[in-house]
Amino acid sequence: MEPIKIMFRLKEMRTKKEISQNELARLCEMSVTNIQKYEQQKMKSIPFDTLALFCSILHCQPGDLFEKVEMTK
């Protein structure tokens, strides 16, 4: 079985919707630093309520924010 990694595609969805990090942070009532951590894959988990908030603001489904990447050895 090949190892996989799940990527959180917040930056891609945010730029597709033409929303800045500052605007997303304001709408989510969180710091720009936290938005950057999510976008840089530095968060170990994401609460369901935060995921739901991102989906509401970006008008997308949770699956739109995730991508499975197969890792090569």
Protein backbone atom coordinates (compact mmCIF):
# COMPACT_ATOMS: atom_id res chain seq x y z
CA MET A 1 0.00 0.00 0.00
CA GLU A 2 1.41 3.36 -1.05
CA PRO A 3 1.62 6.05 1.64
CA ILE A 4 -0.73 8.98 1.15
CA LYS A 5 -1.00 12.51 2.48
CA ILE A 6 -4.17 14.54 2.82
CA MET A 7 -3.66 18.15 1.73
CA PHE A 8 -5.91 20.95 2.96
CA ARG A 9 -6.57 23.14 -0.08
CA LEU A 10 -7.70 26.31 1.71
CA LYS A 11 -5.36 28.60 -0.24
CA GLU A 12 -6.50 27.22 -3.60
CA MET A 13 -10.18 27.63 -2.73
CA ARG A 14 -9.60 31.09 -1.22
CA THR A 15 -7.76 32.38 -4.30
CA LYS A 16 -10.34 30.79 -6.61
CA LYS A 17 -13.04 32.79 -4.81
CA GLU A 18 -10.80 35.90 -4.89
CA ILE A 19 -10.77 36.37 -1.12
CA SER A 20 -7.62 37.66 0.59
CA GLN A 21 -6.14 36.10 3.72
CA ASN A 22 -7.10 39.26 5.61
CA GLU A 23 -10.71 39.10 4.42
CA LEU A 24 -11.03 35.39 5.23
CA ALA A 25 -9.53 35.97 8.68
CA ARG A 26 -11.99 38.82 9.31
CA LEU A 27 -14.98 36.78 8.15
CA CYS A 28 -13.90 33.79 10.27
CA GLU A 29 -13.05 35.99 13.25
CA MET A 30 -9.57 34.48 13.51
CA SER A 31 -6.07 35.79 13.04
CA VAL A 32 -4.30 35.98 9.70
CA THR A 33 -1.58 33.86 11.33
CA ASN A 34 -4.08 31.03 11.85
CA ILE A 35 -5.24 31.27 8.23
CA GLN A 36 -1.59 31.08 7.14
CA LYS A 37 -1.02 28.00 9.30
CA TYR A 38 -3.97 26.23 7.67
CA GLU A 39 -2.72 27.21 4.22
CA GLN A 40 0.84 26.04 4.95
CA GLN A 41 -0.35 22.65 6.24
CA LYS A 42 1.00 23.43 9.71
CA MET A 43 -2.20 22.56 11.58
CA LYS A 44 -2.52 19.01 12.87
CA SER A 45 -6.33 19.05 12.92
CA ILE A 46 -9.29 21.19 11.97
CA PRO A 47 -12.44 21.41 14.12
CA PHE A 48 -15.68 20.60 12.29
CA ASP A 49 -17.11 24.01 13.17
CA THR A 50 -14.08 25.72 11.58
CA LEU A 51 -14.39 23.51 8.50
CA ALA A 52 -18.10 24.37 8.28
CA LEU A 53 -17.26 28.07 8.57
CA PHE A 54 -14.69 27.87 5.75
CA CYS A 55 -17.26 26.04 3.60
CA SER A 56 -19.93 28.63 4.32
CA ILE A 57 -17.67 31.56 3.46
CA LEU A 58 -16.11 29.92 0.39
CA HIS A 59 -19.45 28.43 -0.81
CA CYS A 60 -18.03 24.92 -1.15
CA GLN A 61 -18.36 21.41 0.21
CA PRO A 62 -15.88 19.95 2.75
CA GLY A 63 -14.53 17.58 0.09
CA ASP A 64 -13.57 20.57 -2.06
CA LEU A 65 -11.04 21.57 0.59
CA PHE A 66 -9.18 18.25 0.73
CA GLU A 67 -6.97 16.39 -1.72
CA LYS A 68 -5.41 12.96 -1.38
CA VAL A 69 -1.79 12.92 -2.58
CA GLU A 70 0.02 9.63 -3.05
CA MET A 71 3.58 9.79 -1.78
CA THR A 72 6.37 8.20 -3.78
CA LYS A 73 9.06 6.21 -2.03
